[in-house]
Amino acid sequence: MGFLGGLFSRSTGRADDTGDATVTLTCDSCGCEVNEDEMEEGQCNDCYSSESLSVYDAADIWLSNGMDEDYTFGYDEDELRRAAGLT
């Protein structure tokens, strides 16, 4: 998961019926490829609207609980340290 919300890969696809090129982006969270209008802050609409914690929120909770491994919320400690600015 990227440190900054806008870090995602971008590629230009085929031209649509109007002749405009479509832009395909890759979601930071799940890796799916979607059109540019289906992205929000580096995540596809499905991931962005899900109830999962961002790595930054998880890092805050993890730190406030003494870096307890029970509060990693599926992230590894390296990801949490980076999100918390500890590395």
N, C-alpha and C. Protein backbone atom coordinates (compact mmCIF):
# COMPACT_ATOMS: atom_id res chain seq x y z
N MET A 1 0.84 -1.17 0.00
CA MET A 1 0.00 0.00 0.00
C MET A 1 0.88 1.23 0.00
N GLY A 2 0.55 2.15 -0.87
CA GLY A 2 1.41 3.30 -1.05
C GLY A 2 1.38 4.28 0.10
N PHE A 3 2.52 4.96 0.32
CA PHE A 3 2.63 5.95 1.39
C PHE A 3 1.77 7.16 1.08
N LEU A 4 1.77 7.60 -0.14
CA LEU A 4 0.95 8.73 -0.54
C LEU A 4 -0.24 8.22 -1.33
N GLY A 5 -1.40 8.79 -1.10
CA GLY A 5 -2.63 8.31 -1.70
C GLY A 5 -2.61 8.22 -3.21
N GLY A 6 -1.82 9.04 -3.90
CA GLY A 6 -1.84 9.07 -5.35
C GLY A 6 -0.81 8.18 -6.02
N LEU A 7 -0.17 7.29 -5.31
CA LEU A 7 0.84 6.44 -5.92
C LEU A 7 0.19 5.19 -6.51
N PHE A 8 -0.12 5.24 -7.78
CA PHE A 8 -0.70 4.10 -8.46
C PHE A 8 -0.21 4.12 -9.89
N SER A 9 -0.21 2.94 -10.50
CA SER A 9 0.30 2.90 -11.86
C SER A 9 -0.78 3.35 -12.84
N ARG A 10 -0.36 3.91 -13.91
CA ARG A 10 -1.27 4.48 -14.89
C ARG A 10 -0.85 4.01 -16.27
N SER A 11 -1.82 3.57 -17.05
CA SER A 11 -1.52 3.18 -18.42
C SER A 11 -2.65 3.66 -19.32
N THR A 12 -2.32 3.94 -20.54
CA THR A 12 -3.33 4.40 -21.48
C THR A 12 -3.77 3.21 -22.33
N GLY A 13 -5.07 3.01 -22.38
CA GLY A 13 -5.63 1.89 -23.13
C GLY A 13 -6.02 2.31 -24.53
N ARG A 14 -6.92 1.53 -25.12
CA ARG A 14 -7.39 1.81 -26.47
C ARG A 14 -8.33 3.01 -26.48
N ALA A 15 -8.47 3.59 -27.64
CA ALA A 15 -9.40 4.71 -27.79
C ALA A 15 -10.82 4.18 -27.73
N ASP A 16 -11.71 4.93 -27.07
CA ASP A 16 -13.11 4.52 -27.01
C ASP A 16 -13.84 5.01 -28.27
N ASP A 17 -15.17 4.88 -28.31
CA ASP A 17 -15.94 5.23 -29.50
C ASP A 17 -15.84 6.70 -29.89
N THR A 18 -15.53 7.56 -28.92
CA THR A 18 -15.41 8.98 -29.22
C THR A 18 -14.02 9.35 -29.70
N GLY A 19 -13.09 8.39 -29.69
CA GLY A 19 -11.73 8.66 -30.11
C GLY A 19 -10.80 9.03 -28.97
N ASP A 20 -11.36 9.20 -27.77
CA ASP A 20 -10.54 9.54 -26.62
C ASP A 20 -9.88 8.27 -26.06
N ALA A 21 -8.65 8.40 -25.63
CA ALA A 21 -7.95 7.27 -25.03
C ALA A 21 -8.48 7.06 -23.61
N THR A 22 -8.67 5.81 -23.24
CA THR A 22 -9.10 5.52 -21.87
C THR A 22 -7.86 5.34 -21.01
N VAL A 23 -7.95 5.76 -19.77
CA VAL A 23 -6.84 5.64 -18.84
C VAL A 23 -7.19 4.56 -17.83
N THR A 24 -6.31 3.57 -17.70
CA THR A 24 -6.51 2.48 -16.77
C THR A 24 -5.56 2.65 -15.60
N LEU A 25 -6.09 2.54 -14.39
CA LEU A 25 -5.29 2.67 -13.17
C LEU A 25 -5.34 1.38 -12.40
N THR A 26 -4.30 1.12 -11.60
CA THR A 26 -4.24 -0.06 -10.77
C THR A 26 -4.46 0.34 -9.32
N CYS A 27 -5.39 -0.34 -8.66
CA CYS A 27 -5.72 -0.05 -7.27
C CYS A 27 -4.55 -0.40 -6.36
N ASP A 28 -4.23 0.50 -5.42
CA ASP A 28 -3.16 0.26 -4.46
C ASP A 28 -3.50 -0.89 -3.51
N SER A 29 -4.78 -1.09 -3.23
CA SER A 29 -5.17 -2.08 -2.24
C SER A 29 -5.30 -3.49 -2.80
N CYS A 30 -6.10 -3.65 -3.86
CA CYS A 30 -6.38 -5.01 -4.34
C CYS A 30 -5.68 -5.35 -5.65
N GLY A 31 -5.12 -4.35 -6.35
CA GLY A 31 -4.39 -4.61 -7.59
C GLY A 31 -5.25 -4.69 -8.83
N CYS A 32 -6.58 -4.49 -8.70
CA CYS A 32 -7.43 -4.56 -9.89
C CYS A 32 -7.17 -3.36 -10.78
N GLU A 33 -7.51 -3.48 -12.05
CA GLU A 33 -7.35 -2.38 -13.00
C GLU A 33 -8.73 -1.84 -13.36
N VAL A 34 -8.90 -0.53 -13.20
CA VAL A 34 -10.18 0.10 -13.48
C VAL A 34 -9.96 1.40 -14.25
N ASN A 35 -11.03 1.95 -14.80
CA ASN A 35 -10.95 3.24 -15.47
C ASN A 35 -10.69 4.34 -14.45
N GLU A 36 -10.14 5.43 -14.93
CA GLU A 36 -9.76 6.55 -14.07
C GLU A 36 -10.92 7.05 -13.22
N ASP A 37 -12.14 7.07 -13.78
CA ASP A 37 -13.29 7.59 -13.03
C ASP A 37 -13.78 6.63 -11.95
N GLU A 38 -13.21 5.44 -11.86
CA GLU A 38 -13.58 4.46 -10.84
C GLU A 38 -12.57 4.41 -9.71
N MET A 39 -11.72 5.44 -9.59
CA MET A 39 -10.68 5.48 -8.57
C MET A 39 -10.91 6.65 -7.61
N GLU A 40 -10.54 6.45 -6.37
CA GLU A 40 -10.61 7.50 -5.35
C GLU A 40 -9.39 7.33 -4.45
N GLU A 41 -8.51 8.34 -4.43
CA GLU A 41 -7.32 8.33 -3.58
C GLU A 41 -6.49 7.06 -3.73
N GLY A 42 -6.28 6.63 -4.97
CA GLY A 42 -5.43 5.47 -5.24
C GLY A 42 -6.09 4.13 -5.06
N GLN A 43 -7.39 4.11 -4.75
CA GLN A 43 -8.09 2.85 -4.55
C GLN A 43 -9.31 2.79 -5.46
N CYS A 44 -9.65 1.56 -5.90
CA CYS A 44 -10.87 1.40 -6.68
C CYS A 44 -12.06 1.70 -5.78
N ASN A 45 -13.20 1.97 -6.38
CA ASN A 45 -14.38 2.32 -5.59
C ASN A 45 -14.74 1.25 -4.57
N ASP A 46 -14.56 -0.03 -4.92
CA ASP A 46 -14.88 -1.11 -3.98
C ASP A 46 -13.99 -1.05 -2.75
N CYS A 47 -12.70 -0.88 -2.93
CA CYS A 47 -11.77 -0.82 -1.79
C CYS A 47 -11.94 0.47 -1.00
N TYR A 48 -12.16 1.57 -1.70
CA TYR A 48 -12.28 2.86 -1.04
C TYR A 48 -13.51 2.92 -0.14
N SER A 49 -14.59 2.29 -0.57
CA SER A 49 -15.82 2.34 0.21
C SER A 49 -15.97 1.19 1.20
N SER A 50 -15.01 0.26 1.21
CA SER A 50 -15.11 -0.86 2.14
C SER A 50 -14.83 -0.38 3.56
N GLU A 51 -15.14 -1.22 4.52
CA GLU A 51 -14.98 -0.83 5.91
C GLU A 51 -13.62 -1.20 6.49
N SER A 52 -12.65 -1.48 5.65
CA SER A 52 -11.32 -1.81 6.15
C SER A 52 -10.60 -0.53 6.58
N LEU A 53 -9.64 -0.69 7.46
CA LEU A 53 -8.85 0.44 7.94
C LEU A 53 -7.73 0.74 6.97
N SER A 54 -7.45 2.00 6.79
CA SER A 54 -6.27 2.36 6.01
C SER A 54 -5.04 2.00 6.83
N VAL A 55 -3.91 1.90 6.19
CA VAL A 55 -2.67 1.58 6.89
C VAL A 55 -2.33 2.67 7.90
N TYR A 56 -2.72 3.91 7.61
CA TYR A 56 -2.43 5.02 8.52
C TYR A 56 -3.28 4.94 9.79
N ASP A 57 -4.56 4.63 9.62
CA ASP A 57 -5.42 4.46 10.79
C ASP A 57 -4.98 3.25 11.61
N ALA A 58 -4.64 2.17 10.91
CA ALA A 58 -4.16 0.97 11.60
C ALA A 58 -2.88 1.26 12.37
N ALA A 59 -1.98 2.06 11.78
CA ALA A 59 -0.72 2.40 12.45
C ALA A 59 -0.98 3.22 13.71
N ASP A 60 -1.94 4.14 13.66
CA ASP A 60 -2.28 4.93 14.85
C ASP A 60 -2.79 4.04 15.97
N ILE A 61 -3.67 3.11 15.63
CA ILE A 61 -4.22 2.20 16.64
C ILE A 61 -3.14 1.28 17.16
N TRP A 62 -2.30 0.77 16.27
CA TRP A 62 -1.21 -0.12 16.65
C TRP A 62 -0.26 0.58 17.62
N LEU A 63 0.10 1.82 17.31
CA LEU A 63 0.99 2.59 18.20
C LEU A 63 0.34 2.86 19.55
N SER A 64 -0.94 3.21 19.54
CA SER A 64 -1.62 3.54 20.80
C SER A 64 -1.81 2.32 21.69
N ASN A 65 -1.62 1.14 21.10
CA ASN A 65 -1.71 -0.10 21.87
C ASN A 65 -0.34 -0.72 22.09
N GLY A 66 0.68 0.10 22.11
CA GLY A 66 2.03 -0.37 22.42
C GLY A 66 2.64 -1.29 21.38
N MET A 67 2.27 -1.11 20.11
CA MET A 67 2.78 -1.94 19.01
C MET A 67 2.46 -3.42 19.22
N ASP A 68 1.32 -3.67 19.82
CA ASP A 68 0.87 -5.04 20.09
C ASP A 68 0.50 -5.74 18.79
N GLU A 69 1.01 -6.94 18.59
CA GLU A 69 0.75 -7.68 17.35
C GLU A 69 -0.73 -8.02 17.16
N ASP A 70 -1.53 -7.92 18.21
CA ASP A 70 -2.96 -8.16 18.08
C ASP A 70 -3.69 -7.00 17.41
N TYR A 71 -3.00 -5.90 17.19
CA TYR A 71 -3.61 -4.71 16.61
C TYR A 71 -2.97 -4.31 15.28
N THR A 72 -2.61 -5.29 14.46
CA THR A 72 -2.00 -4.99 13.16
C THR A 72 -3.02 -4.91 12.03
N PHE A 73 -4.21 -5.41 12.24
CA PHE A 73 -5.31 -5.34 11.27
C PHE A 73 -4.92 -5.85 9.88
N GLY A 74 -4.12 -6.90 9.84
CA GLY A 74 -3.73 -7.51 8.56
C GLY A 74 -2.52 -6.90 7.90
N TYR A 75 -1.98 -5.83 8.46
CA TYR A 75 -0.76 -5.22 7.92
C TYR A 75 0.44 -5.83 8.62
N ASP A 76 1.59 -5.86 7.93
CA ASP A 76 2.78 -6.33 8.64
C ASP A 76 3.43 -5.14 9.35
N GLU A 77 4.30 -5.45 10.28
CA GLU A 77 4.89 -4.40 11.11
C GLU A 77 5.70 -3.39 10.30
N ASP A 78 6.34 -3.82 9.22
CA ASP A 78 7.09 -2.88 8.38
C ASP A 78 6.16 -1.85 7.74
N GLU A 79 4.99 -2.29 7.26
CA GLU A 79 4.02 -1.36 6.68
C GLU A 79 3.54 -0.36 7.73
N LEU A 80 3.27 -0.86 8.92
CA LEU A 80 2.79 0.01 10.00
C LEU A 80 3.86 1.01 10.43
N ARG A 81 5.09 0.55 10.50
CA ARG A 81 6.20 1.46 10.86
C ARG A 81 6.36 2.58 9.82
N ARG A 82 6.29 2.21 8.54
CA ARG A 82 6.40 3.22 7.47
C ARG A 82 5.24 4.22 7.55
N ALA A 83 4.03 3.71 7.76
CA ALA A 83 2.86 4.59 7.81
C ALA A 83 2.93 5.52 9.03
N ALA A 84 3.55 5.05 10.10
CA ALA A 84 3.68 5.85 11.32
C ALA A 84 4.88 6.78 11.27
N GLY A 85 5.70 6.65 10.24
CA GLY A 85 6.88 7.49 10.09
C GLY A 85 8.03 7.06 10.99
N LEU A 86 8.07 5.78 11.34
CA LEU A 86 9.12 5.29 12.24
C LEU A 86 10.34 4.76 11.48
N THR A 87 10.27 4.70 10.16
CA THR A 87 11.44 4.22 9.39
C THR A 87 11.85 5.24 8.37
